[in-house]
């Protein structure tokens, strides 16, 4: 079931707090048909995108602290103006922290995917799985359930790709690797981003490389 978004919905009542960040994107220069990275702070803090993907025209439109619901709400402003060749989305971490259910997070993803299908039907969407951070390890069951539901939505869909980054961020004991996170134990370190890049790169090389 897809969500609709009346402006009175309590779930998006704070979405307008991102208006200044969204407005700043309007002044951002970008190449034609870029690979758009968007979502929450895991994207916003990925400062090495251009170096990590030198053969792709990448644009970072992450807005830190946001929820997946915010990515849906601001789709028209953040995604559509770029006419991207591909979209990489990371969000949902904060939704779960604010006690949205895994099913609800999956519904937000499905709505984002439907917006892609409606407006950008040939554009691939890559969802980076919600990461297993030390700070939110107590939410791991909810995170994994949300990831599982989103993976199921992506399964067998031509333009939807679930990119599972959890395995590269866990040690042999299946616990988060501390060295892959900065001091807050929530956000990725440069080493963490390097591993995520390694998982994502083959997807982009296959589905988003320049013609």
N, C-alpha and C. Protein backbone atom coordinates (compact mmCIF):
# COMPACT_ATOMS: atom_id res chain seq x y z
N UNK A 1 0.85 -1.21 0.00
CA UNK A 1 0.00 0.00 0.00
C UNK A 1 0.88 1.24 0.00
N UNK A 2 0.64 2.16 -0.94
CA UNK A 2 1.43 3.38 -1.02
C UNK A 2 0.86 4.44 -0.09
N UNK A 3 1.76 5.27 0.39
CA UNK A 3 1.36 6.33 1.30
C UNK A 3 0.94 7.56 0.52
N UNK A 4 0.06 8.35 1.11
CA UNK A 4 -0.12 9.70 0.60
C UNK A 4 0.35 10.65 1.70
N UNK A 5 0.50 11.92 1.35
CA UNK A 5 1.15 12.84 2.27
C UNK A 5 0.38 14.15 2.41
N UNK A 6 -0.77 14.12 3.10
CA UNK A 6 -1.43 15.38 3.39
C UNK A 6 -0.55 16.22 4.30
N UNK A 7 -0.55 17.53 4.11
CA UNK A 7 0.34 18.40 4.87
C UNK A 7 0.05 18.36 6.36
N UNK A 8 -1.10 17.85 6.74
CA UNK A 8 -1.43 17.77 8.16
C UNK A 8 -0.97 16.48 8.81
N UNK A 9 -0.35 15.58 8.03
CA UNK A 9 0.07 14.31 8.59
C UNK A 9 1.09 14.51 9.68
N UNK A 10 0.87 13.92 10.88
CA UNK A 10 1.84 14.10 11.96
C UNK A 10 3.19 13.50 11.63
N UNK A 11 3.24 12.51 10.73
CA UNK A 11 4.51 11.88 10.40
C UNK A 11 5.42 12.80 9.59
N UNK A 12 4.87 13.79 8.93
CA UNK A 12 5.72 14.70 8.15
C UNK A 12 5.57 16.13 8.65
N UNK A 13 5.08 16.29 9.85
CA UNK A 13 4.83 17.64 10.35
C UNK A 13 6.11 18.45 10.49
N UNK A 14 7.27 17.75 10.61
CA UNK A 14 8.54 18.46 10.74
C UNK A 14 9.32 18.50 9.43
N UNK A 15 8.74 18.00 8.35
CA UNK A 15 9.47 17.91 7.10
C UNK A 15 9.93 19.28 6.61
N UNK A 16 9.17 20.32 6.93
CA UNK A 16 9.53 21.64 6.45
C UNK A 16 10.75 22.22 7.16
N UNK A 17 11.22 21.55 8.21
CA UNK A 17 12.45 22.03 8.86
C UNK A 17 13.64 21.93 7.92
N UNK A 18 13.51 21.17 6.85
CA UNK A 18 14.60 21.02 5.90
C UNK A 18 14.51 22.02 4.76
N UNK A 19 13.57 22.95 4.83
CA UNK A 19 13.38 23.88 3.71
C UNK A 19 14.64 24.65 3.37
N UNK A 20 15.41 25.07 4.38
CA UNK A 20 16.62 25.85 4.09
C UNK A 20 17.67 24.99 3.40
N UNK A 21 17.80 23.75 3.85
CA UNK A 21 18.74 22.84 3.20
C UNK A 21 18.31 22.56 1.76
N UNK A 22 17.03 22.36 1.56
CA UNK A 22 16.52 22.10 0.21
C UNK A 22 16.71 23.32 -0.67
N UNK A 23 16.47 24.50 -0.10
CA UNK A 23 16.65 25.73 -0.88
C UNK A 23 18.10 25.89 -1.32
N UNK A 24 19.03 25.48 -0.47
CA UNK A 24 20.45 25.59 -0.83
C UNK A 24 20.79 24.72 -2.04
N UNK A 25 20.09 23.62 -2.20
CA UNK A 25 20.34 22.75 -3.36
C UNK A 25 20.05 23.49 -4.67
N UNK A 26 19.13 24.44 -4.62
CA UNK A 26 18.78 25.17 -5.84
C UNK A 26 19.95 25.98 -6.38
N UNK A 27 20.90 26.33 -5.50
CA UNK A 27 22.08 27.09 -5.91
C UNK A 27 23.27 26.19 -6.22
N UNK A 28 23.06 24.89 -6.15
CA UNK A 28 24.13 23.92 -6.37
C UNK A 28 24.30 23.67 -7.86
N UNK A 29 25.54 23.75 -8.33
CA UNK A 29 25.81 23.41 -9.73
C UNK A 29 25.91 21.89 -9.85
N UNK A 30 25.48 21.37 -10.98
CA UNK A 30 25.54 19.93 -11.17
C UNK A 30 25.66 19.60 -12.65
N UNK A 31 26.30 18.48 -12.97
CA UNK A 31 26.44 18.07 -14.37
C UNK A 31 25.12 17.55 -14.92
N UNK A 32 25.06 17.40 -16.21
CA UNK A 32 23.85 16.86 -16.82
C UNK A 32 23.70 15.39 -16.45
N UNK A 33 22.51 15.02 -16.07
CA UNK A 33 22.16 13.64 -15.78
C UNK A 33 23.17 12.97 -14.84
N UNK A 34 23.29 13.50 -13.62
CA UNK A 34 24.26 12.93 -12.69
C UNK A 34 23.76 11.67 -12.01
N UNK A 35 24.67 11.04 -11.28
CA UNK A 35 24.29 10.03 -10.30
C UNK A 35 24.03 10.78 -9.00
N UNK A 36 22.79 10.77 -8.57
CA UNK A 36 22.39 11.54 -7.39
C UNK A 36 22.46 10.68 -6.15
N UNK A 37 23.20 11.14 -5.15
CA UNK A 37 23.22 10.54 -3.83
C UNK A 37 22.36 11.41 -2.92
N UNK A 38 21.38 10.81 -2.26
CA UNK A 38 20.51 11.59 -1.40
C UNK A 38 20.07 10.76 -0.20
N UNK A 39 19.52 11.45 0.80
CA UNK A 39 19.08 10.80 2.02
C UNK A 39 19.60 11.52 3.24
N UNK A 40 19.92 10.77 4.28
CA UNK A 40 20.28 11.37 5.57
C UNK A 40 21.78 11.57 5.70
N UNK A 41 22.27 11.67 6.94
CA UNK A 41 23.65 12.09 7.18
C UNK A 41 24.68 11.13 6.62
N UNK A 42 24.36 9.85 6.49
CA UNK A 42 25.31 8.93 5.88
C UNK A 42 25.67 9.37 4.47
N UNK A 43 24.73 9.99 3.78
CA UNK A 43 25.02 10.58 2.47
C UNK A 43 25.63 11.97 2.63
N UNK A 44 25.03 12.81 3.46
CA UNK A 44 25.49 14.19 3.59
C UNK A 44 26.97 14.26 3.98
N UNK A 45 27.43 13.31 4.78
CA UNK A 45 28.81 13.32 5.27
C UNK A 45 29.78 12.55 4.37
N UNK A 46 29.28 12.03 3.27
CA UNK A 46 30.14 11.30 2.34
C UNK A 46 30.88 12.33 1.48
N UNK A 47 31.99 12.82 2.00
CA UNK A 47 32.69 13.95 1.39
C UNK A 47 33.64 13.55 0.26
N UNK A 48 33.80 12.26 0.03
CA UNK A 48 34.76 11.81 -0.97
C UNK A 48 34.09 11.19 -2.19
N UNK A 49 32.84 11.52 -2.43
CA UNK A 49 32.12 10.89 -3.54
C UNK A 49 32.83 11.07 -4.87
N UNK A 50 33.28 12.29 -5.15
CA UNK A 50 33.92 12.55 -6.44
C UNK A 50 35.19 11.72 -6.60
N UNK A 51 35.96 11.58 -5.52
CA UNK A 51 37.17 10.77 -5.57
C UNK A 51 36.85 9.28 -5.61
N UNK A 52 35.79 8.88 -4.94
CA UNK A 52 35.43 7.47 -4.89
C UNK A 52 34.85 6.96 -6.20
N UNK A 53 34.19 7.85 -6.94
CA UNK A 53 33.57 7.45 -8.21
C UNK A 53 34.01 8.43 -9.30
N UNK A 54 35.30 8.42 -9.63
CA UNK A 54 35.84 9.44 -10.55
C UNK A 54 35.29 9.36 -11.97
N UNK A 55 34.75 8.23 -12.34
CA UNK A 55 34.24 8.06 -13.70
C UNK A 55 32.76 8.39 -13.82
N UNK A 56 32.16 8.83 -12.72
CA UNK A 56 30.74 9.13 -12.73
C UNK A 56 30.50 10.58 -12.32
N UNK A 57 29.51 11.24 -12.91
CA UNK A 57 29.16 12.61 -12.51
C UNK A 57 28.27 12.58 -11.27
N UNK A 58 28.87 12.59 -10.10
CA UNK A 58 28.10 12.41 -8.87
C UNK A 58 27.70 13.76 -8.27
N UNK A 59 26.55 13.77 -7.62
CA UNK A 59 26.05 14.94 -6.90
C UNK A 59 25.56 14.48 -5.54
N UNK A 60 25.95 15.20 -4.49
CA UNK A 60 25.52 14.88 -3.13
C UNK A 60 24.41 15.83 -2.71
N UNK A 61 23.23 15.27 -2.48
CA UNK A 61 22.11 16.04 -1.94
C UNK A 61 21.56 15.37 -0.69
N UNK A 62 22.48 15.01 0.21
CA UNK A 62 22.05 14.49 1.49
C UNK A 62 21.74 15.62 2.44
N UNK A 63 20.78 15.41 3.34
CA UNK A 63 20.48 16.41 4.36
C UNK A 63 20.41 15.70 5.70
N UNK A 64 21.47 15.92 6.49
CA UNK A 64 21.71 15.18 7.71
C UNK A 64 20.61 15.32 8.74
N UNK A 65 20.30 14.19 9.39
CA UNK A 65 19.24 14.16 10.38
C UNK A 65 17.88 13.87 9.81
N UNK A 66 17.78 13.82 8.50
CA UNK A 66 16.48 13.61 7.86
C UNK A 66 16.04 12.16 7.95
N UNK A 67 14.78 11.94 7.70
CA UNK A 67 14.20 10.61 7.70
C UNK A 67 13.78 10.24 6.27
N UNK A 68 13.51 8.97 6.08
CA UNK A 68 13.07 8.53 4.75
C UNK A 68 11.79 9.25 4.34
N UNK A 69 10.95 9.54 5.31
CA UNK A 69 9.74 10.30 5.01
C UNK A 69 10.07 11.68 4.44
N UNK A 70 11.18 12.29 4.89
CA UNK A 70 11.58 13.59 4.35
C UNK A 70 12.05 13.47 2.90
N UNK A 71 12.74 12.37 2.59
CA UNK A 71 13.17 12.16 1.20
C UNK A 71 11.97 12.04 0.27
N UNK A 72 10.91 11.40 0.76
CA UNK A 72 9.68 11.31 -0.03
C UNK A 72 9.05 12.69 -0.18
N UNK A 73 8.91 13.37 0.92
CA UNK A 73 8.22 14.66 0.94
C UNK A 73 8.89 15.67 0.01
N UNK A 74 10.24 15.64 -0.04
CA UNK A 74 10.99 16.62 -0.82
C UNK A 74 11.45 16.07 -2.17
N UNK A 75 10.86 14.98 -2.61
CA UNK A 75 11.27 14.35 -3.86
C UNK A 75 11.27 15.33 -5.03
N UNK A 76 10.20 16.10 -5.16
CA UNK A 76 10.08 17.00 -6.30
C UNK A 76 11.19 18.04 -6.35
N UNK A 77 11.68 18.46 -5.18
CA UNK A 77 12.71 19.50 -5.13
C UNK A 77 14.12 18.93 -5.20
N UNK A 78 14.32 17.77 -4.60
CA UNK A 78 15.66 17.21 -4.48
C UNK A 78 16.05 16.37 -5.69
N UNK A 79 15.12 15.57 -6.19
CA UNK A 79 15.45 14.59 -7.22
C UNK A 79 15.11 15.07 -8.62
N UNK A 80 13.89 15.50 -8.84
CA UNK A 80 13.42 15.76 -10.20
C UNK A 80 14.21 16.80 -10.97
N UNK A 81 14.64 17.92 -10.37
CA UNK A 81 15.34 18.93 -11.17
C UNK A 81 16.63 18.44 -11.81
N UNK A 82 17.22 17.37 -11.28
CA UNK A 82 18.50 16.90 -11.80
C UNK A 82 18.36 15.94 -12.97
N UNK A 83 17.17 15.40 -13.19
CA UNK A 83 16.98 14.36 -14.21
C UNK A 83 18.12 13.35 -14.14
N UNK A 84 18.31 12.72 -12.97
CA UNK A 84 19.49 11.88 -12.77
C UNK A 84 19.48 10.61 -13.60
N UNK A 85 20.67 10.12 -13.90
CA UNK A 85 20.80 8.83 -14.59
C UNK A 85 20.62 7.68 -13.60
N UNK A 86 20.86 7.97 -12.30
CA UNK A 86 20.69 6.98 -11.24
C UNK A 86 20.55 7.71 -9.92
N UNK A 87 19.89 7.06 -8.97
CA UNK A 87 19.72 7.62 -7.63
C UNK A 87 20.21 6.61 -6.61
N UNK A 88 21.07 7.07 -5.70
CA UNK A 88 21.52 6.26 -4.57
C UNK A 88 20.88 6.86 -3.33
N UNK A 89 20.11 6.05 -2.60
CA UNK A 89 19.35 6.53 -1.45
C UNK A 89 19.79 5.81 -0.19
N UNK A 90 20.11 6.59 0.84
CA UNK A 90 20.30 6.02 2.18
C UNK A 90 19.42 6.80 3.15
N UNK A 91 18.49 6.11 3.77
CA UNK A 91 17.62 6.71 4.78
C UNK A 91 16.87 5.59 5.47
N UNK A 92 16.21 5.93 6.58
CA UNK A 92 15.47 4.94 7.35
C UNK A 92 16.03 4.76 8.74
N UNK A 93 17.33 5.00 8.88
CA UNK A 93 18.01 4.93 10.17
C UNK A 93 17.30 5.80 11.21
N UNK A 94 17.08 7.05 10.85
CA UNK A 94 16.46 7.99 11.79
C UNK A 94 14.98 7.70 12.00
N UNK A 95 14.31 7.20 10.97
CA UNK A 95 12.89 6.84 11.13
C UNK A 95 12.73 5.82 12.25
N UNK A 96 13.58 4.79 12.22
CA UNK A 96 13.49 3.73 13.23
C UNK A 96 13.86 4.27 14.60
N UNK A 97 14.86 5.15 14.65
CA UNK A 97 15.24 5.76 15.93
C UNK A 97 14.09 6.57 16.52
N UNK A 98 13.24 7.11 15.66
CA UNK A 98 12.08 7.87 16.13
C UNK A 98 10.83 7.00 16.19
N UNK A 99 11.06 5.68 16.29
CA UNK A 99 10.03 4.70 16.62
C UNK A 99 9.00 4.47 15.53
N UNK A 100 9.37 4.71 14.28
CA UNK A 100 8.52 4.23 13.20
C UNK A 100 8.76 2.74 13.03
N UNK A 101 7.74 2.01 12.70
CA UNK A 101 7.87 0.56 12.57
C UNK A 101 8.62 0.21 11.28
N UNK A 102 9.24 -0.97 11.25
CA UNK A 102 9.87 -1.41 10.00
C UNK A 102 8.91 -1.42 8.82
N UNK A 103 7.66 -1.81 9.07
CA UNK A 103 6.67 -1.82 7.99
C UNK A 103 6.43 -0.42 7.46
N UNK A 104 6.40 0.56 8.34
CA UNK A 104 6.18 1.94 7.92
C UNK A 104 7.37 2.45 7.11
N UNK A 105 8.58 2.11 7.55
CA UNK A 105 9.77 2.51 6.80
C UNK A 105 9.74 1.91 5.40
N UNK A 106 9.35 0.66 5.30
CA UNK A 106 9.26 0.01 4.00
C UNK A 106 8.21 0.69 3.12
N UNK A 107 7.12 1.14 3.72
CA UNK A 107 6.09 1.85 2.96
C UNK A 107 6.63 3.17 2.40
N UNK A 108 7.45 3.85 3.20
CA UNK A 108 8.07 5.08 2.70
C UNK A 108 8.97 4.77 1.51
N UNK A 109 9.75 3.70 1.62
CA UNK A 109 10.61 3.34 0.49
C UNK A 109 9.77 3.02 -0.74
N UNK A 110 8.70 2.27 -0.54
CA UNK A 110 7.85 1.91 -1.67
C UNK A 110 7.26 3.15 -2.33
N UNK A 111 6.92 4.14 -1.53
CA UNK A 111 6.38 5.37 -2.09
C UNK A 111 7.46 6.12 -2.87
N UNK A 112 8.67 6.17 -2.32
CA UNK A 112 9.78 6.80 -3.05
C UNK A 112 10.01 6.07 -4.38
N UNK A 113 9.99 4.75 -4.34
CA UNK A 113 10.18 3.96 -5.56
C UNK A 113 9.06 4.23 -6.56
N UNK A 114 7.83 4.39 -6.07
CA UNK A 114 6.72 4.69 -6.98
C UNK A 114 6.87 6.06 -7.62
N UNK A 115 7.37 7.03 -6.86
CA UNK A 115 7.65 8.33 -7.44
C UNK A 115 8.71 8.23 -8.54
N UNK A 116 9.72 7.40 -8.30
CA UNK A 116 10.72 7.16 -9.34
C UNK A 116 10.08 6.55 -10.58
N UNK A 117 9.22 5.56 -10.38
CA UNK A 117 8.58 4.88 -11.50
C UNK A 117 7.70 5.83 -12.28
N UNK A 118 7.03 6.73 -11.58
CA UNK A 118 6.12 7.67 -12.24
C UNK A 118 6.86 8.73 -13.03
N UNK A 119 7.89 9.29 -12.43
CA UNK A 119 8.57 10.45 -13.03
C UNK A 119 9.87 10.11 -13.74
N UNK A 120 10.53 9.04 -13.33
CA UNK A 120 11.83 8.66 -13.90
C UNK A 120 11.84 7.15 -14.14
N UNK A 121 10.97 6.67 -15.02
CA UNK A 121 10.74 5.22 -15.12
C UNK A 121 11.94 4.40 -15.57
N UNK A 122 12.90 5.02 -16.24
CA UNK A 122 14.07 4.28 -16.71
C UNK A 122 15.29 4.48 -15.82
N UNK A 123 15.12 5.19 -14.72
CA UNK A 123 16.25 5.52 -13.85
C UNK A 123 16.38 4.51 -12.73
N UNK A 124 17.55 3.86 -12.60
CA UNK A 124 17.72 2.90 -11.51
C UNK A 124 17.82 3.58 -10.15
N UNK A 125 17.26 2.91 -9.15
CA UNK A 125 17.32 3.37 -7.76
C UNK A 125 18.07 2.32 -6.95
N UNK A 126 19.11 2.78 -6.27
CA UNK A 126 19.93 1.90 -5.43
C UNK A 126 19.69 2.29 -3.97
N UNK A 127 19.16 1.36 -3.19
CA UNK A 127 18.94 1.62 -1.77
C UNK A 127 20.06 0.99 -0.97
N UNK A 128 20.84 1.83 -0.28
CA UNK A 128 21.86 1.32 0.63
C UNK A 128 21.16 0.86 1.92
N UNK A 129 21.37 -0.37 2.29
CA UNK A 129 20.68 -0.90 3.47
C UNK A 129 21.01 -0.08 4.71
N UNK A 130 20.06 -0.03 5.62
CA UNK A 130 20.25 0.70 6.87
C UNK A 130 21.39 0.05 7.64
N UNK A 131 22.35 0.84 8.04
CA UNK A 131 23.59 0.28 8.58
C UNK A 131 23.46 -0.15 10.04
N UNK A 132 24.31 -1.09 10.46
CA UNK A 132 24.31 -1.57 11.85
C UNK A 132 25.33 -0.79 12.67
N UNK A 133 24.95 0.31 13.26
CA UNK A 133 25.90 1.14 14.01
C UNK A 133 25.98 0.71 15.47
N UNK A 134 27.15 0.89 16.11
CA UNK A 134 27.24 0.58 17.55
C UNK A 134 26.24 1.38 18.39
N UNK A 135 26.04 2.64 18.04
CA UNK A 135 25.18 3.51 18.84
C UNK A 135 23.73 3.03 18.84
N UNK A 136 23.30 2.46 17.72
CA UNK A 136 21.91 1.99 17.60
C UNK A 136 21.81 0.48 17.47
N UNK A 137 22.81 -0.21 18.01
CA UNK A 137 22.82 -1.67 17.91
C UNK A 137 21.59 -2.28 18.58
N UNK A 138 21.07 -1.61 19.59
CA UNK A 138 19.88 -2.13 20.28
C UNK A 138 18.66 -2.15 19.36
N UNK A 139 18.72 -1.44 18.24
CA UNK A 139 17.63 -1.43 17.26
C UNK A 139 17.88 -2.38 16.10
N UNK A 140 18.86 -3.27 16.25
CA UNK A 140 19.28 -4.10 15.12
C UNK A 140 18.15 -4.96 14.57
N UNK A 141 17.27 -5.45 15.44
CA UNK A 141 16.18 -6.30 14.93
C UNK A 141 15.22 -5.49 14.06
N UNK A 142 14.91 -4.27 14.50
CA UNK A 142 14.04 -3.41 13.70
C UNK A 142 14.71 -3.01 12.39
N UNK A 143 16.01 -2.72 12.48
CA UNK A 143 16.76 -2.36 11.27
C UNK A 143 16.74 -3.51 10.27
N UNK A 144 17.01 -4.70 10.75
CA UNK A 144 17.06 -5.86 9.86
C UNK A 144 15.68 -6.18 9.27
N UNK A 145 14.66 -5.98 10.06
CA UNK A 145 13.31 -6.22 9.53
C UNK A 145 12.97 -5.21 8.44
N UNK A 146 13.32 -3.95 8.67
CA UNK A 146 13.07 -2.93 7.64
C UNK A 146 13.86 -3.25 6.38
N UNK A 147 15.14 -3.61 6.56
CA UNK A 147 15.95 -3.97 5.39
C UNK A 147 15.36 -5.15 4.64
N UNK A 148 14.90 -6.14 5.37
CA UNK A 148 14.32 -7.32 4.73
C UNK A 148 13.08 -6.97 3.92
N UNK A 149 12.25 -6.11 4.46
CA UNK A 149 11.05 -5.70 3.75
C UNK A 149 11.39 -4.89 2.50
N UNK A 150 12.39 -4.01 2.62
CA UNK A 150 12.78 -3.21 1.45
C UNK A 150 13.44 -4.09 0.39
N UNK A 151 14.25 -5.04 0.84
CA UNK A 151 14.85 -5.97 -0.12
C UNK A 151 13.77 -6.73 -0.89
N UNK A 152 12.71 -7.12 -0.20
CA UNK A 152 11.61 -7.84 -0.85
C UNK A 152 10.92 -6.97 -1.89
N UNK A 153 10.78 -5.68 -1.60
CA UNK A 153 10.17 -4.76 -2.57
C UNK A 153 11.04 -4.67 -3.82
N UNK A 154 12.36 -4.68 -3.63
CA UNK A 154 13.28 -4.53 -4.76
C UNK A 154 13.41 -5.80 -5.59
N UNK A 155 13.13 -6.94 -4.97
CA UNK A 155 13.39 -8.22 -5.63
C UNK A 155 12.63 -8.33 -6.95
N UNK A 156 13.38 -8.70 -7.98
CA UNK A 156 12.81 -8.94 -9.32
C UNK A 156 12.25 -7.68 -9.98
N UNK A 157 12.62 -6.51 -9.44
CA UNK A 157 12.22 -5.25 -10.09
C UNK A 157 13.39 -4.74 -10.92
N UNK A 158 13.12 -4.41 -12.17
CA UNK A 158 14.19 -4.09 -13.10
C UNK A 158 15.04 -2.91 -12.65
N UNK A 159 14.41 -1.88 -12.10
CA UNK A 159 15.13 -0.65 -11.79
C UNK A 159 15.34 -0.42 -10.29
N UNK A 160 15.02 -1.41 -9.46
CA UNK A 160 15.23 -1.28 -8.02
C UNK A 160 16.33 -2.23 -7.58
N UNK A 161 17.28 -1.70 -6.81
CA UNK A 161 18.43 -2.50 -6.39
C UNK A 161 18.68 -2.30 -4.89
N UNK A 162 18.63 -3.38 -4.15
CA UNK A 162 18.94 -3.36 -2.72
C UNK A 162 20.42 -3.67 -2.57
N UNK A 163 21.16 -2.73 -1.98
CA UNK A 163 22.60 -2.86 -1.82
C UNK A 163 22.89 -3.12 -0.34
N UNK A 164 23.20 -4.36 -0.02
CA UNK A 164 23.35 -4.76 1.38
C UNK A 164 24.75 -4.43 1.89
N UNK A 165 24.85 -3.40 2.74
CA UNK A 165 26.15 -3.00 3.27
C UNK A 165 26.41 -3.57 4.67
N UNK A 166 25.44 -4.26 5.24
CA UNK A 166 25.64 -4.78 6.60
C UNK A 166 26.84 -5.71 6.72
N UNK A 167 27.02 -6.70 5.84
CA UNK A 167 28.12 -7.65 6.04
C UNK A 167 29.49 -7.00 6.12
N UNK A 168 29.72 -5.97 5.35
CA UNK A 168 31.06 -5.36 5.35
C UNK A 168 31.33 -4.53 6.60
N UNK A 169 30.29 -4.24 7.37
CA UNK A 169 30.45 -3.40 8.55
C UNK A 169 30.46 -4.20 9.85
N UNK A 170 30.34 -5.54 9.75
CA UNK A 170 30.34 -6.40 10.92
C UNK A 170 31.62 -7.22 10.98
N UNK A 171 32.03 -7.56 12.21
CA UNK A 171 33.21 -8.40 12.38
C UNK A 171 32.82 -9.88 12.40
N UNK A 172 33.79 -10.74 12.70
CA UNK A 172 33.52 -12.18 12.67
C UNK A 172 32.51 -12.61 13.72
N UNK A 173 32.38 -11.80 14.77
CA UNK A 173 31.39 -12.08 15.81
C UNK A 173 30.03 -11.48 15.49
N UNK A 174 29.90 -10.91 14.28
CA UNK A 174 28.65 -10.29 13.83
C UNK A 174 28.26 -9.09 14.68
N UNK A 175 29.29 -8.33 15.07
CA UNK A 175 29.11 -7.07 15.78
C UNK A 175 29.68 -5.95 14.94
N UNK A 176 29.18 -4.71 15.09
CA UNK A 176 29.72 -3.60 14.31
C UNK A 176 31.21 -3.41 14.59
N UNK A 177 31.96 -3.17 13.53
CA UNK A 177 33.40 -2.94 13.65
C UNK A 177 33.64 -1.50 14.09
N UNK A 178 34.16 -1.32 15.29
CA UNK A 178 34.29 0.02 15.88
C UNK A 178 35.11 0.95 15.01
N UNK A 179 36.13 0.43 14.34
CA UNK A 179 37.02 1.28 13.55
C UNK A 179 36.35 1.86 12.31
N UNK A 180 35.18 1.37 11.99
CA UNK A 180 34.47 1.84 10.80
C UNK A 180 33.50 2.98 11.12
N UNK A 181 33.54 3.44 12.38
CA UNK A 181 32.65 4.52 12.82
C UNK A 181 33.48 5.60 13.52
N UNK A 182 32.99 6.82 13.46
CA UNK A 182 33.65 7.92 14.16
C UNK A 182 33.25 7.88 15.63
N UNK A 183 33.68 8.87 16.39
CA UNK A 183 33.53 8.82 17.84
C UNK A 183 32.08 8.72 18.32
N UNK A 184 31.15 9.23 17.55
CA UNK A 184 29.75 9.15 17.99
C UNK A 184 29.16 7.75 17.85
N UNK A 185 29.92 6.84 17.25
CA UNK A 185 29.51 5.44 17.06
C UNK A 185 28.25 5.30 16.21
N UNK A 186 27.96 6.33 15.44
CA UNK A 186 26.78 6.32 14.58
C UNK A 186 27.14 6.54 13.12
N UNK A 187 28.05 7.48 12.89
CA UNK A 187 28.42 7.85 11.52
C UNK A 187 29.69 7.13 11.09
N UNK A 188 29.80 6.91 9.80
CA UNK A 188 30.91 6.13 9.26
C UNK A 188 32.22 6.91 9.27
N UNK A 189 33.30 6.18 9.48
CA UNK A 189 34.65 6.72 9.35
C UNK A 189 35.08 6.62 7.88
N UNK A 190 36.21 7.23 7.51
CA UNK A 190 36.70 7.05 6.13
C UNK A 190 36.85 5.59 5.76
N UNK A 191 37.30 4.76 6.69
CA UNK A 191 37.43 3.33 6.41
C UNK A 191 36.06 2.69 6.14
N UNK A 192 35.06 3.15 6.88
CA UNK A 192 33.71 2.65 6.66
C UNK A 192 33.18 3.02 5.28
N UNK A 193 33.39 4.27 4.91
CA UNK A 193 32.95 4.70 3.57
C UNK A 193 33.66 3.93 2.47
N UNK A 194 34.94 3.64 2.69
CA UNK A 194 35.69 2.90 1.67
C UNK A 194 35.08 1.52 1.44
N UNK A 195 34.64 0.88 2.52
CA UNK A 195 34.02 -0.43 2.37
C UNK A 195 32.65 -0.34 1.71
N UNK A 196 31.87 0.67 2.08
CA UNK A 196 30.57 0.85 1.45
C UNK A 196 30.74 1.13 -0.04
N UNK A 197 31.73 1.95 -0.37
CA UNK A 197 32.03 2.21 -1.78
C UNK A 197 32.32 0.91 -2.52
N UNK A 198 33.09 0.03 -1.89
CA UNK A 198 33.43 -1.23 -2.53
C UNK A 198 32.22 -2.10 -2.83
N UNK A 199 31.20 -2.03 -1.98
CA UNK A 199 29.97 -2.79 -2.21
C UNK A 199 29.13 -2.15 -3.29
N UNK A 200 29.04 -0.82 -3.27
CA UNK A 200 28.17 -0.11 -4.20
C UNK A 200 28.75 -0.02 -5.60
N UNK A 201 30.06 0.10 -5.71
CA UNK A 201 30.70 0.37 -7.01
C UNK A 201 30.30 -0.61 -8.11
N UNK A 202 30.25 -1.91 -7.87
CA UNK A 202 29.85 -2.83 -8.96
C UNK A 202 28.43 -2.58 -9.46
N UNK A 203 27.53 -2.18 -8.57
CA UNK A 203 26.17 -1.86 -9.00
C UNK A 203 26.17 -0.67 -9.94
N UNK A 204 26.90 0.40 -9.55
CA UNK A 204 26.94 1.59 -10.39
C UNK A 204 27.65 1.32 -11.71
N UNK A 205 28.70 0.52 -11.65
CA UNK A 205 29.42 0.20 -12.88
C UNK A 205 28.54 -0.55 -13.87
N UNK A 206 27.67 -1.39 -13.34
CA UNK A 206 26.82 -2.18 -14.22
C UNK A 206 25.60 -1.42 -14.73
N UNK A 207 25.00 -0.60 -13.86
CA UNK A 207 23.70 -0.01 -14.19
C UNK A 207 23.72 1.49 -14.40
N UNK A 208 24.81 2.19 -14.04
CA UNK A 208 24.78 3.67 -14.09
C UNK A 208 25.97 4.26 -14.81
N UNK A 209 26.79 3.46 -15.45
CA UNK A 209 27.95 3.99 -16.15
C UNK A 209 27.51 4.81 -17.36
N UNK A 210 28.33 5.82 -17.73
CA UNK A 210 27.99 6.61 -18.93
C UNK A 210 27.88 5.71 -20.16
N UNK A 211 26.98 6.07 -21.02
CA UNK A 211 26.79 5.29 -22.25
C UNK A 211 27.99 5.41 -23.16
